[in-house]
Amino acid sequence: MYAIVRTGGKQYQVACGDQVRVEKLEGSVGDTVDLNDVLMVVSDEEVKIGQPLLENCKVTAKIAEQGRAKKVIVFKKKRRKGYRLKKGHRQSYTALKIEEISV
């Protein structure tokens, strides 16, 4: 059984026991999070598709980690003008351990 959930403006395919990195969510390590934006649930015998969301469905997950991704370097340059700009960016993320998909 797996589900398609929406969080942080992105969609993720999750199953029980999976660990996924999503956009930063509030909470500390060990807290339980309910993802209520469930778009689709596929079980062994049937497929449920929302219009756009499924009613009374949720995915329960536990926060496994709060962290920041590797640094991405942004370098801009204009030739012959002496313009150079170097910036770095580290995106924050939350690692979720999927515990239950309830339909």
C-alpha atoms as a PDB file:
ATOM      1  CA  MET A   1       0.000   0.000   0.000  1.00  0.00           C
ATOM      2  CA  TYR A   2       1.239   3.466  -0.862  1.00  0.00           C
ATOM      3  CA  ALA A   3      -0.121   7.001  -1.029  1.00  0.00           C
ATOM      4  CA  ILE A   4       0.558  10.226  -2.885  1.00  0.00           C
ATOM      5  CA  VAL A   5       0.682  13.187  -0.475  1.00  0.00           C
ATOM      6  CA  ARG A   6       1.170  16.906  -1.016  1.00  0.00           C
ATOM      7  CA  THR A   7       3.296  19.021   1.312  1.00  0.00           C
ATOM      8  CA  GLY A   8       5.452  22.072   0.756  1.00  0.00           C
ATOM      9  CA  GLY A   9       4.106  22.542  -2.783  1.00  0.00           C
ATOM     10  CA  LYS A  10       5.431  19.162  -3.906  1.00  0.00           C
ATOM     11  CA  GLN A  11       3.976  15.670  -4.209  1.00  0.00           C
ATOM     12  CA  TYR A  12       5.580  12.569  -2.723  1.00  0.00           C
ATOM     13  CA  GLN A  13       4.877   8.848  -3.072  1.00  0.00           C
ATOM     14  CA  VAL A  14       5.110   7.290   0.387  1.00  0.00           C
ATOM     15  CA  ALA A  15       4.631   3.832   1.868  1.00  0.00           C
ATOM     16  CA  CYS A  16       4.770   2.580   5.455  1.00  0.00           C
ATOM     17  CA  GLY A  17       8.366   2.479   6.677  1.00  0.00           C
ATOM     18  CA  ASP A  18       9.684   4.948   4.085  1.00  0.00           C
ATOM     19  CA  GLN A  19      11.778   7.965   5.014  1.00  0.00           C
ATOM     20  CA  VAL A  20      11.327  11.080   2.868  1.00  0.00           C
ATOM     21  CA  ARG A  21      12.848  14.565   2.949  1.00  0.00           C
ATOM     22  CA  VAL A  22      10.231  17.291   2.631  1.00  0.00           C
ATOM     23  CA  GLU A  23      10.284  21.063   2.923  1.00  0.00           C
ATOM     24  CA  LYS A  24      10.776  22.326   6.481  1.00  0.00           C
ATOM     25  CA  LEU A  25       7.917  21.544   8.875  1.00  0.00           C
ATOM     26  CA  GLU A  26       7.521  22.920  12.389  1.00  0.00           C
ATOM     27  CA  GLY A  27       8.287  20.514  15.211  1.00  0.00           C
ATOM     28  CA  SER A  28      11.181  18.754  16.878  1.00  0.00           C
ATOM     29  CA  VAL A  29      12.678  15.305  16.395  1.00  0.00           C
ATOM     30  CA  GLY A  30      10.308  12.612  17.646  1.00  0.00           C
ATOM     31  CA  ASP A  31       7.099  14.628  17.131  1.00  0.00           C
ATOM     32  CA  THR A  32       4.217  13.110  15.165  1.00  0.00           C
ATOM     33  CA  VAL A  33       2.930  14.902  12.058  1.00  0.00           C
ATOM     34  CA  ASP A  34      -0.336  14.242  10.206  1.00  0.00           C
ATOM     35  CA  LEU A  35      -0.277  14.859   6.442  1.00  0.00           C
ATOM     36  CA  ASN A  36      -3.913  15.506   5.490  1.00  0.00           C
ATOM     37  CA  ASP A  37      -3.423  16.425   1.808  1.00  0.00           C
ATOM     38  CA  VAL A  38      -3.738  12.875   0.465  1.00  0.00           C
ATOM     39  CA  LEU A  39      -4.248  12.814  -3.306  1.00  0.00           C
ATOM     40  CA  MET A  40      -4.302   9.066  -3.978  1.00  0.00           C
ATOM     41  CA  VAL A  41      -4.158   5.782  -2.066  1.00  0.00           C
ATOM     42  CA  VAL A  42      -3.271   2.478  -3.751  1.00  0.00           C
ATOM     43  CA  SER A  43      -3.844  -0.740  -1.832  1.00  0.00           C
ATOM     44  CA  ASP A  44      -3.627  -4.348  -3.013  1.00  0.00           C
ATOM     45  CA  GLU A  45      -7.205  -4.559  -4.232  1.00  0.00           C
ATOM     46  CA  GLU A  46      -8.271  -0.988  -5.057  1.00  0.00           C
ATOM     47  CA  VAL A  47      -7.172   2.502  -6.069  1.00  0.00           C
ATOM     48  CA  LYS A  48      -8.746   5.621  -4.539  1.00  0.00           C
ATOM     49  CA  ILE A  49      -8.226   8.923  -6.324  1.00  0.00           C
ATOM     50  CA  GLY A  50      -9.258  12.263  -4.818  1.00  0.00           C
ATOM     51  CA  GLN A  51     -10.993  15.135  -6.562  1.00  0.00           C
ATOM     52  CA  PRO A  52      -8.461  16.713  -5.704  1.00  0.00           C
ATOM     53  CA  LEU A  53      -8.154  15.378  -2.112  1.00  0.00           C
ATOM     54  CA  LEU A  54      -9.415  12.234  -0.426  1.00  0.00           C
ATOM     55  CA  GLU A  55     -11.783  12.796   2.494  1.00  0.00           C
ATOM     56  CA  ASN A  56     -11.022  11.157   5.867  1.00  0.00           C
ATOM     57  CA  CYS A  57      -7.563   9.962   4.736  1.00  0.00           C
ATOM     58  CA  LYS A  58      -4.333  10.902   6.418  1.00  0.00           C
ATOM     59  CA  VAL A  59      -0.728   9.806   6.577  1.00  0.00           C
ATOM     60  CA  THR A  60       0.910   9.722  10.000  1.00  0.00           C
ATOM     61  CA  ALA A  61       4.654  10.331  10.147  1.00  0.00           C
ATOM     62  CA  LYS A  62       7.290  10.919  12.793  1.00  0.00           C
ATOM     63  CA  ILE A  63       9.957  13.601  12.440  1.00  0.00           C
ATOM     64  CA  ALA A  64      13.258  11.740  12.154  1.00  0.00           C
ATOM     65  CA  GLU A  65      15.550  14.703  11.465  1.00  0.00           C
ATOM     66  CA  GLN A  66      15.579  18.478  11.073  1.00  0.00           C
ATOM     67  CA  GLY A  67      18.503  19.586   8.939  1.00  0.00           C
ATOM     68  CA  ARG A  68      19.907  21.596   6.105  1.00  0.00           C
ATOM     69  CA  ALA A  69      20.975  20.352   2.679  1.00  0.00           C
ATOM     70  CA  LYS A  70      24.393  20.786   1.111  1.00  0.00           C
ATOM     71  CA  LYS A  71      25.374  24.286   0.075  1.00  0.00           C
ATOM     72  CA  VAL A  72      24.530  25.378  -3.458  1.00  0.00           C
ATOM     73  CA  ILE A  73      26.861  28.051  -4.862  1.00  0.00           C
ATOM     74  CA  VAL A  74      25.345  30.813  -7.015  1.00  0.00           C
ATOM     75  CA  PHE A  75      27.961  32.691  -9.046  1.00  0.00           C
ATOM     76  CA  LYS A  76      27.090  35.584 -11.349  1.00  0.00           C
ATOM     77  CA  LYS A  77      29.523  37.366 -13.655  1.00  0.00           C
ATOM     78  CA  LYS A  78      29.350  39.929 -16.442  1.00  0.00           C
ATOM     79  CA  ARG A  79      32.269  39.856 -18.784  1.00  0.00           C
ATOM     80  CA  ARG A  80      34.533  42.895 -19.114  1.00  0.00           C
ATOM     81  CA  LYS A  81      32.609  44.823 -16.410  1.00  0.00           C
ATOM     82  CA  GLY A  82      34.286  43.613 -13.230  1.00  0.00           C
ATOM     83  CA  TYR A  83      30.951  42.391 -11.857  1.00  0.00           C
ATOM     84  CA  ARG A  84      31.206  39.179  -9.873  1.00  0.00           C
ATOM     85  CA  LEU A  85      28.813  37.939  -7.210  1.00  0.00           C
ATOM     86  CA  LYS A  86      29.139  34.750  -5.204  1.00  0.00           C
ATOM     87  CA  LYS A  87      26.368  33.573  -2.888  1.00  0.00           C
ATOM     88  CA  GLY A  88      25.628  30.312  -1.134  1.00  0.00           C
ATOM     89  CA  HIS A  89      22.305  28.783  -0.121  1.00  0.00           C
ATOM     90  CA  ARG A  90      21.404  25.879   2.188  1.00  0.00           C
ATOM     91  CA  GLN A  91      17.793  24.713   2.053  1.00  0.00           C
ATOM     92  CA  SER A  92      16.202  23.541   5.307  1.00  0.00           C
ATOM     93  CA  TYR A  93      14.425  20.188   5.282  1.00  0.00           C
ATOM     94  CA  THR A  94      12.547  17.784   7.526  1.00  0.00           C
ATOM     95  CA  ALA A  95      13.087  14.034   7.255  1.00  0.00           C
ATOM     96  CA  LEU A  96       9.865  12.106   7.918  1.00  0.00           C
ATOM     97  CA  LYS A  97       9.536   8.415   8.799  1.00  0.00           C
ATOM     98  CA  ILE A  98       6.146   7.210   7.527  1.00  0.00           C
ATOM     99  CA  GLU A  99       4.320   5.182  10.158  1.00  0.00           C
ATOM    100  CA  GLU A 100       0.737   4.707   8.992  1.00  0.00           C
ATOM    101  CA  ILE A 101      -1.597   5.335   6.055  1.00  0.00           C
ATOM    102  CA  SER A 102      -5.189   5.460   7.262  1.00  0.00           C
ATOM    103  CA  VAL A 103      -8.061   5.368   4.790  1.00  0.00           C
END
